[in-house]
Amino acid sequence: MRCLTYSRVSAIDQCLDIQLETLEKFCASKNLTVVATLSEKVSGASASARPEFQKLLDMAIRGEIDCVVVFKIDRFARSLVDCVNSIKTLNDHGVRFISVQDNLDTSNDSPTGRLLLHLLAVFADLELQTIRTRCRIGREAALKRGVQFGRKKQFNDSLIFTLREQGLSMREIAKRVGCSKANVHKVLSEKSAKNSSINTDSTGGPNASNKV
């Protein structure tokens, strides 16, 4: 069986020796033929920033390996979601995944390993749902503070005013400007409210200046 070993540490000054030695001994004990040994010193937070990890996935997709062996799951991925998705990619291409220290083996001959993989998937889904919930709560809190989301408007308020003065309906203005009728109504309403406030101030209403 063609095997690839992958090891990783998070900092430049950390040592890979223990991982490399453990993986070498494990593969020898299981009669696995090591065709590639990949290792890197980089944070596991972002898979896209790990070139050796990307090479691992590319080799699996191209059918160049049959098995991936790692020291521990946290050396393979820091996020459960990334971990499960990556293992699924391997499985989809017929590549077996083994984590030595976690006693995880996705081979069909290892029911315990398959069970652990399913549990990982459950916890990964829980992690994803938790992240989504936090994002939703944060968004709702931001909206209450008046934070605006979405793309900035691409239409010109002045053009809307000009077209309205020319007698065009809001539907016609929306078509000309390239926005929704609701946006046109909002712009015109805001201008009307602003003008009303200015008129009130100038006539000595509640908002009039106290200056003599």
C-alpha atoms as a PDB file:
ATOM      1  CA  MET A   1       0.000   0.000   0.000  1.00  0.00           C
ATOM      2  CA  ARG A   2       1.395   3.384  -1.050  1.00  0.00           C
ATOM      3  CA  CYS A   3       1.544   5.555   2.030  1.00  0.00           C
ATOM      4  CA  LEU A   4       2.088   9.272   2.624  1.00  0.00           C
ATOM      5  CA  THR A   5       3.048  10.562   6.057  1.00  0.00           C
ATOM      6  CA  TYR A   6       2.198  14.097   7.108  1.00  0.00           C
ATOM      7  CA  SER A   7       3.544  15.933  10.142  1.00  0.00           C
ATOM      8  CA  ARG A   8       3.243  19.526  11.289  1.00  0.00           C
ATOM      9  CA  VAL A   9       4.238  21.902  14.077  1.00  0.00           C
ATOM     10  CA  SER A  10       2.879  25.399  14.565  1.00  0.00           C
ATOM     11  CA  ALA A  11       6.113  27.310  15.141  1.00  0.00           C
ATOM     12  CA  ILE A  12       9.487  27.475  13.412  1.00  0.00           C
ATOM     13  CA  ASP A  13      11.392  26.685  16.627  1.00  0.00           C
ATOM     14  CA  GLN A  14       9.375  23.501  17.321  1.00  0.00           C
ATOM     15  CA  CYS A  15      10.778  20.097  16.437  1.00  0.00           C
ATOM     16  CA  LEU A  16       9.263  17.504  14.091  1.00  0.00           C
ATOM     17  CA  ASP A  17      11.553  14.655  15.131  1.00  0.00           C
ATOM     18  CA  ILE A  18       9.116  12.850  17.460  1.00  0.00           C
ATOM     19  CA  GLN A  19       6.345  12.876  14.854  1.00  0.00           C
ATOM     20  CA  LEU A  20       8.623  11.750  12.031  1.00  0.00           C
ATOM     21  CA  GLU A  21      10.133   8.918  14.095  1.00  0.00           C
ATOM     22  CA  THR A  22       6.723   7.709  15.270  1.00  0.00           C
ATOM     23  CA  LEU A  23       5.288   7.714  11.743  1.00  0.00           C
ATOM     24  CA  GLU A  24       8.304   5.885  10.331  1.00  0.00           C
ATOM     25  CA  LYS A  25       8.099   3.124  12.958  1.00  0.00           C
ATOM     26  CA  PHE A  26       4.323   2.785  12.540  1.00  0.00           C
ATOM     27  CA  CYS A  27       4.517   2.410   8.760  1.00  0.00           C
ATOM     28  CA  ALA A  28       7.285  -0.160   9.079  1.00  0.00           C
ATOM     29  CA  SER A  29       5.248  -2.182  11.589  1.00  0.00           C
ATOM     30  CA  LYS A  30       2.234  -2.198   9.256  1.00  0.00           C
ATOM     31  CA  ASN A  31       4.258  -2.966   6.101  1.00  0.00           C
ATOM     32  CA  LEU A  32       3.183   0.307   4.518  1.00  0.00           C
ATOM     33  CA  THR A  33       5.358   1.587   1.653  1.00  0.00           C
ATOM     34  CA  VAL A  34       6.111   5.250   2.259  1.00  0.00           C
ATOM     35  CA  VAL A  35       6.163   7.041  -1.097  1.00  0.00           C
ATOM     36  CA  ALA A  36       6.099  10.589   0.306  1.00  0.00           C
ATOM     37  CA  THR A  37       6.984  12.259   3.592  1.00  0.00           C
ATOM     38  CA  LEU A  38       5.486  15.722   3.943  1.00  0.00           C
ATOM     39  CA  SER A  39       6.060  18.043   6.868  1.00  0.00           C
ATOM     40  CA  GLU A  40       5.736  21.758   7.528  1.00  0.00           C
ATOM     41  CA  LYS A  41       6.096  24.374  10.232  1.00  0.00           C
ATOM     42  CA  VAL A  42       2.972  26.480   9.957  1.00  0.00           C
ATOM     43  CA  SER A  43      -0.238  27.200  11.849  1.00  0.00           C
ATOM     44  CA  GLY A  44      -3.069  24.762  11.194  1.00  0.00           C
ATOM     45  CA  ALA A  45      -5.710  27.474  11.264  1.00  0.00           C
ATOM     46  CA  SER A  46      -5.864  27.877   7.493  1.00  0.00           C
ATOM     47  CA  ALA A  47      -5.576  24.860   5.204  1.00  0.00           C
ATOM     48  CA  SER A  48      -5.037  27.104   2.171  1.00  0.00           C
ATOM     49  CA  ALA A  49      -1.862  28.489   3.778  1.00  0.00           C
ATOM     50  CA  ARG A  50      -0.315  25.017   4.140  1.00  0.00           C
ATOM     51  CA  PRO A  51       1.381  24.087   0.852  1.00  0.00           C
ATOM     52  CA  GLU A  52       2.423  20.597   1.955  1.00  0.00           C
ATOM     53  CA  PHE A  53      -1.106  19.828   3.089  1.00  0.00           C
ATOM     54  CA  GLN A  54      -2.441  20.967  -0.274  1.00  0.00           C
ATOM     55  CA  LYS A  55       0.111  18.723  -1.959  1.00  0.00           C
ATOM     56  CA  LEU A  56      -1.222  15.827   0.141  1.00  0.00           C
ATOM     57  CA  LEU A  57      -4.765  16.413  -1.099  1.00  0.00           C
ATOM     58  CA  ASP A  58      -3.572  16.819  -4.704  1.00  0.00           C
ATOM     59  CA  MET A  59      -1.710  13.496  -4.581  1.00  0.00           C
ATOM     60  CA  ALA A  60      -4.798  11.789  -3.161  1.00  0.00           C
ATOM     61  CA  ILE A  61      -7.030  13.239  -5.868  1.00  0.00           C
ATOM     62  CA  ARG A  62      -4.595  12.149  -8.593  1.00  0.00           C
ATOM     63  CA  GLY A  63      -4.582   8.601  -7.203  1.00  0.00           C
ATOM     64  CA  GLU A  64      -0.881   8.611  -6.318  1.00  0.00           C
ATOM     65  CA  ILE A  65      -1.359   7.325  -2.756  1.00  0.00           C
ATOM     66  CA  ASP A  66      -3.523   4.765  -0.977  1.00  0.00           C
ATOM     67  CA  CYS A  67      -3.100   5.882   2.612  1.00  0.00           C
ATOM     68  CA  VAL A  68      -2.338   8.985   4.679  1.00  0.00           C
ATOM     69  CA  VAL A  69      -0.775   8.563   8.114  1.00  0.00           C
ATOM     70  CA  VAL A  70      -0.539  11.392  10.664  1.00  0.00           C
ATOM     71  CA  PHE A  71       0.751  11.595  14.233  1.00  0.00           C
ATOM     72  CA  LYS A  72      -2.444  13.141  15.695  1.00  0.00           C
ATOM     73  CA  ILE A  73      -5.605  14.648  14.263  1.00  0.00           C
ATOM     74  CA  ASP A  74      -4.702  18.108  15.572  1.00  0.00           C
ATOM     75  CA  ARG A  75      -1.546  17.918  13.429  1.00  0.00           C
ATOM     76  CA  PHE A  76      -3.741  17.259  10.394  1.00  0.00           C
ATOM     77  CA  ALA A  77      -6.323  20.005  11.018  1.00  0.00           C
ATOM     78  CA  ARG A  78      -7.167  22.427  13.812  1.00  0.00           C
ATOM     79  CA  SER A  79     -10.865  22.726  12.955  1.00  0.00           C
ATOM     80  CA  LEU A  80     -13.212  19.751  13.186  1.00  0.00           C
ATOM     81  CA  VAL A  81     -15.050  20.959  10.108  1.00  0.00           C
ATOM     82  CA  ASP A  82     -11.826  21.130   8.073  1.00  0.00           C
ATOM     83  CA  CYS A  83     -10.728  17.783   9.462  1.00  0.00           C
ATOM     84  CA  VAL A  84     -13.924  15.966   8.516  1.00  0.00           C
ATOM     85  CA  ASN A  85     -14.090  17.603   5.079  1.00  0.00           C
ATOM     86  CA  SER A  86     -10.474  16.676   4.342  1.00  0.00           C
ATOM     87  CA  ILE A  87     -10.949  13.078   5.465  1.00  0.00           C
ATOM     88  CA  LYS A  88     -14.101  12.896   3.347  1.00  0.00           C
ATOM     89  CA  THR A  89     -12.064  14.080   0.337  1.00  0.00           C
ATOM     90  CA  LEU A  90      -9.596  11.274   0.987  1.00  0.00           C
ATOM     91  CA  ASN A  91     -12.373   8.702   1.365  1.00  0.00           C
ATOM     92  CA  ASP A  92     -14.062   9.866  -1.827  1.00  0.00           C
ATOM     93  CA  HIS A  93     -10.841   9.049  -3.699  1.00  0.00           C
ATOM     94  CA  GLY A  94     -10.329   5.708  -1.981  1.00  0.00           C
ATOM     95  CA  VAL A  95      -7.540   6.926   0.316  1.00  0.00           C
ATOM     96  CA  ARG A  96      -7.363   5.498   3.821  1.00  0.00           C
ATOM     97  CA  PHE A  97      -6.680   7.857   6.749  1.00  0.00           C
ATOM     98  CA  ILE A  98      -4.810   6.827   9.895  1.00  0.00           C
ATOM     99  CA  SER A  99      -4.097   8.897  13.002  1.00  0.00           C
ATOM    100  CA  VAL A 100      -1.574   6.962  15.086  1.00  0.00           C
ATOM    101  CA  GLN A 101      -2.022   8.579  18.509  1.00  0.00           C
ATOM    102  CA  ASP A 102      -5.824   8.786  18.199  1.00  0.00           C
ATOM    103  CA  ASN A 103      -6.137   5.151  17.068  1.00  0.00           C
ATOM    104  CA  LEU A 104      -8.283   6.330  14.155  1.00  0.00           C
ATOM    105  CA  ASP A 105      -8.359   4.291  10.957  1.00  0.00           C
ATOM    106  CA  THR A 106     -10.976   4.837   8.240  1.00  0.00           C
ATOM    107  CA  SER A 107     -10.364   1.401   6.738  1.00  0.00           C
ATOM    108  CA  ASN A 108     -13.442  -0.781   6.379  1.00  0.00           C
ATOM    109  CA  ASP A 109     -11.597  -3.341   8.504  1.00  0.00           C
ATOM    110  CA  SER A 110     -11.666  -0.963  11.482  1.00  0.00           C
ATOM    111  CA  PRO A 111     -15.228  -0.537  12.827  1.00  0.00           C
ATOM    112  CA  THR A 112     -13.934   1.473  15.787  1.00  0.00           C
ATOM    113  CA  GLY A 113     -12.201   3.883  13.437  1.00  0.00           C
ATOM    114  CA  ARG A 114     -15.352   4.274  11.353  1.00  0.00           C
ATOM    115  CA  LEU A 115     -17.355   4.985  14.514  1.00  0.00           C
ATOM    116  CA  LEU A 116     -14.876   7.646  15.613  1.00  0.00           C
ATOM    117  CA  LEU A 117     -15.084   9.230  12.174  1.00  0.00           C
ATOM    118  CA  HIS A 118     -18.883   9.438  12.416  1.00  0.00           C
ATOM    119  CA  LEU A 119     -18.576  11.006  15.871  1.00  0.00           C
ATOM    120  CA  LEU A 120     -16.130  13.542  14.465  1.00  0.00           C
ATOM    121  CA  ALA A 121     -18.659  14.405  11.764  1.00  0.00           C
ATOM    122  CA  VAL A 122     -21.357  14.952  14.403  1.00  0.00           C
ATOM    123  CA  PHE A 123     -19.140  17.253  16.454  1.00  0.00           C
ATOM    124  CA  ALA A 124     -18.028  19.067  13.299  1.00  0.00           C
ATOM    125  CA  ASP A 125     -21.663  19.770  12.452  1.00  0.00           C
ATOM    126  CA  LEU A 126     -22.212  20.999  16.020  1.00  0.00           C
ATOM    127  CA  GLU A 127     -19.192  23.288  15.673  1.00  0.00           C
ATOM    128  CA  LEU A 128     -20.530  24.669  12.393  1.00  0.00           C
ATOM    129  CA  GLN A 129     -23.985  25.303  13.856  1.00  0.00           C
ATOM    130  CA  THR A 130     -22.417  27.040  16.863  1.00  0.00           C
ATOM    131  CA  ILE A 131     -20.423  29.341  14.572  1.00  0.00           C
ATOM    132  CA  ARG A 132     -23.541  30.170  12.559  1.00  0.00           C
ATOM    133  CA  THR A 133     -25.494  30.936  15.743  1.00  0.00           C
ATOM    134  CA  ARG A 134     -22.753  33.253  16.996  1.00  0.00           C
ATOM    135  CA  CYS A 135     -22.665  35.038  13.630  1.00  0.00           C
ATOM    136  CA  ARG A 136     -26.450  35.487  13.666  1.00  0.00           C
ATOM    137  CA  ILE A 137     -26.418  36.868  17.227  1.00  0.00           C
ATOM    138  CA  GLY A 138     -23.570  39.217  16.350  1.00  0.00           C
ATOM    139  CA  ARG A 139     -25.384  40.443  13.245  1.00  0.00           C
ATOM    140  CA  GLU A 140     -28.593  41.075  15.166  1.00  0.00           C
ATOM    141  CA  ALA A 141     -26.670  43.012  17.825  1.00  0.00           C
ATOM    142  CA  ALA A 142     -24.929  45.073  15.128  1.00  0.00           C
ATOM    143  CA  LEU A 143     -28.244  45.880  13.437  1.00  0.00           C
ATOM    144  CA  LYS A 144     -29.607  47.171  16.741  1.00  0.00           C
ATOM    145  CA  ARG A 145     -26.590  49.483  16.931  1.00  0.00           C
ATOM    146  CA  GLY A 146     -27.406  50.806  13.467  1.00  0.00           C
ATOM    147  CA  VAL A 147     -24.676  48.991  11.541  1.00  0.00           C
ATOM    148  CA  GLN A 148     -25.574  48.678   7.869  1.00  0.00           C
ATOM    149  CA  PHE A 149     -24.944  45.393   6.019  1.00  0.00           C
ATOM    150  CA  GLY A 150     -24.995  44.507   2.346  1.00  0.00           C
ATOM    151  CA  ARG A 151     -23.675  46.206  -0.755  1.00  0.00           C
ATOM    152  CA  LYS A 152     -23.570  49.983  -0.916  1.00  0.00           C
ATOM    153  CA  LYS A 153     -26.213  51.542  -3.100  1.00  0.00           C
ATOM    154  CA  GLN A 154     -25.084  52.188  -6.651  1.00  0.00           C
ATOM    155  CA  PHE A 155     -27.760  54.738  -7.587  1.00  0.00           C
ATOM    156  CA  ASN A 156     -27.635  58.550  -7.484  1.00  0.00           C
ATOM    157  CA  ASP A 157     -29.992  60.348  -5.076  1.00  0.00           C
ATOM    158  CA  SER A 158     -29.776  63.580  -7.085  1.00  0.00           C
ATOM    159  CA  LEU A 159     -30.955  61.791 -10.218  1.00  0.00           C
ATOM    160  CA  ILE A 160     -33.948  60.419  -8.321  1.00  0.00           C
ATOM    161  CA  PHE A 161     -34.871  63.932  -7.148  1.00  0.00           C
ATOM    162  CA  THR A 162     -34.504  65.338 -10.682  1.00  0.00           C
ATOM    163  CA  LEU A 163     -36.657  62.630 -12.255  1.00  0.00           C
ATOM    164  CA  ARG A 164     -39.312  63.082  -9.568  1.00  0.00           C
ATOM    165  CA  GLU A 165     -39.429  66.816 -10.240  1.00  0.00           C
ATOM    166  CA  GLN A 166     -39.951  65.984 -13.910  1.00  0.00           C
ATOM    167  CA  GLY A 167     -43.121  64.151 -12.912  1.00  0.00           C
ATOM    168  CA  LEU A 168     -41.994  60.540 -13.280  1.00  0.00           C
ATOM    169  CA  SER A 169     -43.615  57.902 -11.107  1.00  0.00           C
ATOM    170  CA  MET A 170     -41.548  55.973  -8.570  1.00  0.00           C
ATOM    171  CA  ARG A 171     -41.829  52.858 -10.738  1.00  0.00           C
ATOM    172  CA  GLU A 172     -40.479  54.753 -13.763  1.00  0.00           C
ATOM    173  CA  ILE A 173     -37.688  56.294 -11.684  1.00  0.00           C
ATOM    174  CA  ALA A 174     -36.681  52.892 -10.342  1.00  0.00           C
ATOM    175  CA  LYS A 175     -36.452  51.549 -13.888  1.00  0.00           C
ATOM    176  CA  ARG A 176     -34.374  54.523 -15.058  1.00  0.00           C
ATOM    177  CA  VAL A 177     -31.997  54.519 -12.088  1.00  0.00           C
ATOM    178  CA  GLY A 178     -31.691  50.756 -11.825  1.00  0.00           C
ATOM    179  CA  CYS A 179     -32.913  50.183  -8.289  1.00  0.00           C
ATOM    180  CA  SER A 180     -36.063  48.975  -6.579  1.00  0.00           C
ATOM    181  CA  LYS A 181     -39.216  51.022  -6.119  1.00  0.00           C
ATOM    182  CA  ALA A 182     -38.721  50.681  -2.363  1.00  0.00           C
ATOM    183  CA  ASN A 183     -35.326  52.378  -2.626  1.00  0.00           C
ATOM    184  CA  VAL A 184     -36.816  55.264  -4.561  1.00  0.00           C
ATOM    185  CA  HIS A 185     -39.559  55.654  -1.955  1.00  0.00           C
ATOM    186  CA  LYS A 186     -36.971  55.600   0.848  1.00  0.00           C
ATOM    187  CA  VAL A 187     -34.807  58.312  -0.778  1.00  0.00           C
ATOM    188  CA  LEU A 188     -37.787  60.571  -1.451  1.00  0.00           C
ATOM    189  CA  SER A 189     -39.194  60.030   2.041  1.00  0.00           C
ATOM    190  CA  GLU A 190     -35.865  60.902   3.662  1.00  0.00           C
ATOM    191  CA  LYS A 191     -35.660  64.097   1.611  1.00  0.00           C
ATOM    192  CA  SER A 192     -39.246  65.000   2.513  1.00  0.00           C
ATOM    193  CA  ALA A 193     -38.570  64.448   6.210  1.00  0.00           C
ATOM    194  CA  LYS A 194     -35.389  66.524   6.022  1.00  0.00           C
ATOM    195  CA  ASN A 195     -37.184  69.373   4.260  1.00  0.00           C
ATOM    196  CA  SER A 196     -39.976  69.306   6.853  1.00  0.00           C
ATOM    197  CA  SER A 197     -37.404  69.583   9.635  1.00  0.00           C
ATOM    198  CA  ILE A 198     -35.699  72.523   7.942  1.00  0.00           C
ATOM    199  CA  ASN A 199     -39.039  74.322   7.440  1.00  0.00           C
ATOM    200  CA  THR A 200     -39.986  73.793  11.076  1.00  0.00           C
ATOM    201  CA  ASP A 201     -36.685  75.253  12.261  1.00  0.00           C
ATOM    202  CA  SER A 202     -37.007  78.282  10.019  1.00  0.00           C
ATOM    203  CA  THR A 203     -40.520  79.097  11.295  1.00  0.00           C
ATOM    204  CA  GLY A 204     -39.572  78.945  14.944  1.00  0.00           C
ATOM    205  CA  GLY A 205     -41.022  75.513  15.684  1.00  0.00           C
ATOM    206  CA  PRO A 206     -39.912  73.126  18.398  1.00  0.00           C
ATOM    207  CA  ASN A 207     -36.517  72.686  16.751  1.00  0.00           C
ATOM    208  CA  ALA A 208     -35.898  76.372  16.200  1.00  0.00           C
ATOM    209  CA  SER A 209     -32.575  77.819  17.311  1.00  0.00           C
ATOM    210  CA  ASN A 210     -32.447  79.617  20.672  1.00  0.00           C
ATOM    211  CA  LYS A 211     -29.951  82.105  19.328  1.00  0.00           C
ATOM    212  CA  VAL A 212     -31.035  85.790  19.470  1.00  0.00           C
END
